[in-house]
């Protein structure tokens, strides 16, 4: 995790901020549009988001990285409700 990402985690204290950060980080890894990712997270939650990720032809290491990012943003911050 970079210093910049650490600051962004601290700034994403509310649920919407966490969704926005997850969308930004996913965009950086996959190239998918942030607005599409954000909309998907808001509409389908984390279960739907990862079901979609699993259906894509992504490198398994990339999928693992997305899971790590999710854990850093939502679970390490004490948001036990995740995205649902």
N, C-alpha and C. Protein backbone atom coordinates (compact mmCIF):
# COMPACT_ATOMS: atom_id res chain seq x y z
N UNK A 1 0.85 -1.17 0.00
CA UNK A 1 0.00 0.00 0.00
C UNK A 1 0.89 1.24 0.00
N UNK A 2 0.58 2.16 -0.88
CA UNK A 2 1.37 3.38 -0.96
C UNK A 2 0.91 4.39 0.08
N UNK A 3 1.71 5.42 0.30
CA UNK A 3 1.35 6.48 1.23
C UNK A 3 0.06 7.16 0.78
N UNK A 4 -0.06 7.37 -0.53
CA UNK A 4 -1.26 8.00 -1.08
C UNK A 4 -2.50 7.15 -0.80
N UNK A 5 -2.39 5.83 -1.00
CA UNK A 5 -3.52 4.94 -0.75
C UNK A 5 -3.89 4.94 0.73
N UNK A 6 -2.90 4.97 1.59
CA UNK A 6 -3.17 5.03 3.03
C UNK A 6 -3.95 6.26 3.41
N UNK A 7 -3.61 7.41 2.82
CA UNK A 7 -4.35 8.64 3.08
C UNK A 7 -5.76 8.52 2.56
N UNK A 8 -5.92 7.93 1.38
CA UNK A 8 -7.26 7.76 0.80
C UNK A 8 -8.10 6.86 1.69
N UNK A 9 -7.51 5.84 2.28
CA UNK A 9 -8.24 4.98 3.20
C UNK A 9 -8.73 5.77 4.40
N UNK A 10 -7.88 6.62 4.93
CA UNK A 10 -8.27 7.44 6.07
C UNK A 10 -9.38 8.40 5.70
N UNK A 11 -9.36 8.93 4.48
CA UNK A 11 -10.39 9.86 4.03
C UNK A 11 -11.71 9.17 3.73
N UNK A 12 -11.69 7.88 3.47
CA UNK A 12 -12.89 7.14 3.09
C UNK A 12 -13.59 6.58 4.32
N UNK A 13 -13.89 7.45 5.26
CA UNK A 13 -14.46 6.99 6.51
C UNK A 13 -15.93 6.65 6.40
N UNK A 14 -16.64 7.25 5.45
CA UNK A 14 -18.04 6.92 5.31
C UNK A 14 -18.23 5.84 4.24
N UNK A 15 -19.41 5.26 4.23
CA UNK A 15 -19.69 4.14 3.33
C UNK A 15 -19.55 4.55 1.86
N UNK A 16 -20.07 5.69 1.49
CA UNK A 16 -19.99 6.16 0.10
C UNK A 16 -18.53 6.39 -0.30
N UNK A 17 -17.74 6.94 0.63
CA UNK A 17 -16.33 7.14 0.36
C UNK A 17 -15.60 5.82 0.12
N UNK A 18 -16.00 4.79 0.85
CA UNK A 18 -15.38 3.48 0.68
C UNK A 18 -15.74 2.88 -0.67
N UNK A 19 -16.99 3.07 -1.08
CA UNK A 19 -17.41 2.59 -2.40
C UNK A 19 -16.62 3.31 -3.49
N UNK A 20 -16.47 4.62 -3.34
CA UNK A 20 -15.73 5.40 -4.33
C UNK A 20 -14.28 4.95 -4.41
N UNK A 21 -13.66 4.71 -3.26
CA UNK A 21 -12.27 4.26 -3.24
C UNK A 21 -12.14 2.86 -3.85
N UNK A 22 -13.07 1.97 -3.54
CA UNK A 22 -13.03 0.63 -4.12
C UNK A 22 -13.17 0.72 -5.64
N UNK A 23 -14.05 1.58 -6.11
CA UNK A 23 -14.23 1.76 -7.56
C UNK A 23 -12.96 2.31 -8.20
N UNK A 24 -12.33 3.27 -7.54
CA UNK A 24 -11.09 3.85 -8.07
C UNK A 24 -9.99 2.81 -8.17
N UNK A 25 -9.82 2.04 -7.12
CA UNK A 25 -8.75 1.04 -7.10
C UNK A 25 -9.04 -0.08 -8.11
N UNK A 26 -10.30 -0.47 -8.23
CA UNK A 26 -10.67 -1.49 -9.21
C UNK A 26 -10.40 -0.99 -10.63
N UNK A 27 -10.74 0.27 -10.87
CA UNK A 27 -10.47 0.88 -12.18
C UNK A 27 -8.98 0.83 -12.51
N UNK A 28 -8.16 1.15 -11.54
CA UNK A 28 -6.71 1.15 -11.77
C UNK A 28 -6.20 -0.25 -12.13
N UNK A 29 -6.82 -1.27 -11.57
CA UNK A 29 -6.36 -2.63 -11.84
C UNK A 29 -6.96 -3.24 -13.10
N UNK A 30 -8.21 -2.87 -13.41
CA UNK A 30 -8.91 -3.54 -14.51
C UNK A 30 -9.13 -2.66 -15.73
N UNK A 31 -9.11 -1.33 -15.54
CA UNK A 31 -9.39 -0.42 -16.63
C UNK A 31 -10.87 -0.16 -16.84
N UNK A 32 -11.71 -0.84 -16.10
CA UNK A 32 -13.15 -0.63 -16.21
C UNK A 32 -13.50 0.76 -15.67
N UNK A 33 -14.54 1.36 -16.21
CA UNK A 33 -14.94 2.70 -15.81
C UNK A 33 -15.34 2.75 -14.33
N UNK A 34 -14.83 3.75 -13.62
CA UNK A 34 -15.15 3.91 -12.20
C UNK A 34 -16.64 4.03 -11.96
N UNK A 35 -17.33 4.79 -12.80
CA UNK A 35 -18.77 4.99 -12.60
C UNK A 35 -19.53 3.68 -12.74
N UNK A 36 -19.10 2.81 -13.65
CA UNK A 36 -19.75 1.51 -13.80
C UNK A 36 -19.51 0.64 -12.57
N UNK A 37 -18.30 0.66 -12.08
CA UNK A 37 -17.95 -0.13 -10.89
C UNK A 37 -18.74 0.37 -9.69
N UNK A 38 -18.75 1.68 -9.51
CA UNK A 38 -19.47 2.29 -8.39
C UNK A 38 -20.96 1.93 -8.44
N UNK A 39 -21.56 2.06 -9.61
CA UNK A 39 -22.97 1.71 -9.77
C UNK A 39 -23.24 0.26 -9.44
N UNK A 40 -22.35 -0.61 -9.87
CA UNK A 40 -22.51 -2.03 -9.61
C UNK A 40 -22.40 -2.32 -8.11
N UNK A 41 -21.43 -1.70 -7.45
CA UNK A 41 -21.27 -1.90 -6.01
C UNK A 41 -22.51 -1.41 -5.25
N UNK A 42 -23.02 -0.25 -5.64
CA UNK A 42 -24.19 0.31 -4.96
C UNK A 42 -25.44 -0.53 -5.21
N UNK A 43 -25.58 -1.07 -6.39
CA UNK A 43 -26.79 -1.81 -6.74
C UNK A 43 -26.77 -3.25 -6.23
N UNK A 44 -25.63 -3.93 -6.37
CA UNK A 44 -25.57 -5.36 -6.08
C UNK A 44 -24.76 -5.73 -4.85
N UNK A 45 -24.06 -4.78 -4.27
CA UNK A 45 -23.26 -5.07 -3.08
C UNK A 45 -22.01 -5.88 -3.41
N UNK A 46 -21.31 -6.25 -2.37
CA UNK A 46 -20.02 -6.93 -2.55
C UNK A 46 -20.19 -8.32 -3.15
N UNK A 47 -21.24 -9.03 -2.79
CA UNK A 47 -21.44 -10.37 -3.32
C UNK A 47 -21.61 -10.32 -4.84
N UNK A 48 -22.45 -9.42 -5.30
CA UNK A 48 -22.65 -9.25 -6.74
C UNK A 48 -21.40 -8.75 -7.44
N UNK A 49 -20.70 -7.85 -6.77
CA UNK A 49 -19.46 -7.30 -7.34
C UNK A 49 -18.45 -8.42 -7.58
N UNK A 50 -18.23 -9.26 -6.57
CA UNK A 50 -17.24 -10.33 -6.73
C UNK A 50 -17.74 -11.44 -7.65
N UNK A 51 -19.05 -11.65 -7.73
CA UNK A 51 -19.59 -12.61 -8.71
C UNK A 51 -19.27 -12.11 -10.11
N UNK A 52 -19.41 -10.82 -10.31
CA UNK A 52 -19.08 -10.23 -11.62
C UNK A 52 -17.59 -10.35 -11.90
N UNK A 53 -16.77 -10.04 -10.91
CA UNK A 53 -15.31 -10.15 -11.07
C UNK A 53 -14.94 -11.59 -11.42
N UNK A 54 -15.57 -12.55 -10.74
CA UNK A 54 -15.26 -13.96 -11.01
C UNK A 54 -15.65 -14.37 -12.42
N UNK A 55 -16.67 -13.72 -12.98
CA UNK A 55 -17.11 -14.08 -14.33
C UNK A 55 -16.22 -13.48 -15.42
N UNK A 56 -15.41 -12.50 -15.06
CA UNK A 56 -14.51 -11.87 -16.03
C UNK A 56 -13.27 -12.72 -16.24
N UNK A 57 -12.66 -12.56 -17.37
CA UNK A 57 -11.43 -13.28 -17.70
C UNK A 57 -10.23 -12.50 -17.17
N UNK A 58 -10.12 -12.49 -15.83
CA UNK A 58 -9.02 -11.77 -15.19
C UNK A 58 -8.01 -12.75 -14.64
N UNK A 59 -6.78 -12.32 -14.58
CA UNK A 59 -5.71 -13.09 -13.97
C UNK A 59 -6.09 -13.37 -12.51
N UNK A 60 -5.92 -14.61 -12.03
CA UNK A 60 -6.25 -14.93 -10.64
C UNK A 60 -5.53 -14.03 -9.62
N UNK A 61 -4.31 -13.62 -9.94
CA UNK A 61 -3.58 -12.73 -9.02
C UNK A 61 -4.27 -11.37 -8.94
N UNK A 62 -4.85 -10.92 -10.03
CA UNK A 62 -5.58 -9.66 -10.05
C UNK A 62 -6.85 -9.78 -9.19
N UNK A 63 -7.54 -10.90 -9.31
CA UNK A 63 -8.73 -11.13 -8.48
C UNK A 63 -8.35 -11.15 -7.00
N UNK A 64 -7.23 -11.78 -6.70
CA UNK A 64 -6.74 -11.84 -5.32
C UNK A 64 -6.43 -10.43 -4.81
N UNK A 65 -5.83 -9.61 -5.65
CA UNK A 65 -5.51 -8.23 -5.28
C UNK A 65 -6.78 -7.44 -5.00
N UNK A 66 -7.81 -7.62 -5.81
CA UNK A 66 -9.09 -6.94 -5.57
C UNK A 66 -9.68 -7.35 -4.23
N UNK A 67 -9.56 -8.62 -3.89
CA UNK A 67 -10.05 -9.08 -2.60
C UNK A 67 -9.27 -8.43 -1.46
N UNK A 68 -7.96 -8.32 -1.61
CA UNK A 68 -7.13 -7.67 -0.59
C UNK A 68 -7.53 -6.20 -0.43
N UNK A 69 -7.78 -5.54 -1.54
CA UNK A 69 -8.19 -4.13 -1.49
C UNK A 69 -9.52 -4.01 -0.76
N UNK A 70 -10.46 -4.89 -1.09
CA UNK A 70 -11.76 -4.88 -0.40
C UNK A 70 -11.56 -5.03 1.11
N UNK A 71 -10.74 -5.99 1.51
CA UNK A 71 -10.50 -6.21 2.94
C UNK A 71 -9.89 -4.98 3.60
N UNK A 72 -8.94 -4.34 2.93
CA UNK A 72 -8.32 -3.13 3.49
C UNK A 72 -9.33 -2.00 3.66
N UNK A 73 -10.17 -1.81 2.67
CA UNK A 73 -11.10 -0.69 2.69
C UNK A 73 -12.26 -0.94 3.64
N UNK A 74 -12.88 -2.10 3.56
CA UNK A 74 -14.12 -2.33 4.28
C UNK A 74 -13.97 -3.08 5.59
N UNK A 75 -13.06 -4.03 5.66
CA UNK A 75 -12.95 -4.84 6.87
C UNK A 75 -11.96 -4.27 7.87
N UNK A 76 -10.84 -3.75 7.40
CA UNK A 76 -9.84 -3.19 8.32
C UNK A 76 -10.35 -1.92 8.98
N UNK A 77 -11.27 -1.24 8.31
CA UNK A 77 -11.81 0.00 8.85
C UNK A 77 -12.95 -0.20 9.82
N UNK A 78 -13.28 -1.46 10.11
CA UNK A 78 -14.34 -1.72 11.07
C UNK A 78 -15.74 -1.67 10.48
N UNK A 79 -15.87 -1.68 9.17
CA UNK A 79 -17.18 -1.66 8.53
C UNK A 79 -17.61 -3.09 8.31
N UNK A 80 -18.13 -3.71 9.35
CA UNK A 80 -18.50 -5.12 9.27
C UNK A 80 -19.74 -5.35 8.42
N UNK A 81 -20.44 -4.31 8.05
CA UNK A 81 -21.60 -4.46 7.19
C UNK A 81 -21.20 -4.57 5.73
N UNK A 82 -19.94 -4.42 5.44
CA UNK A 82 -19.39 -4.43 4.08
C UNK A 82 -20.23 -3.57 3.16
N UNK A 83 -20.60 -4.08 2.02
CA UNK A 83 -21.34 -3.28 1.05
C UNK A 83 -22.81 -3.64 1.03
N UNK A 84 -23.26 -4.54 1.84
CA UNK A 84 -24.66 -4.96 1.79
C UNK A 84 -25.48 -4.29 2.85
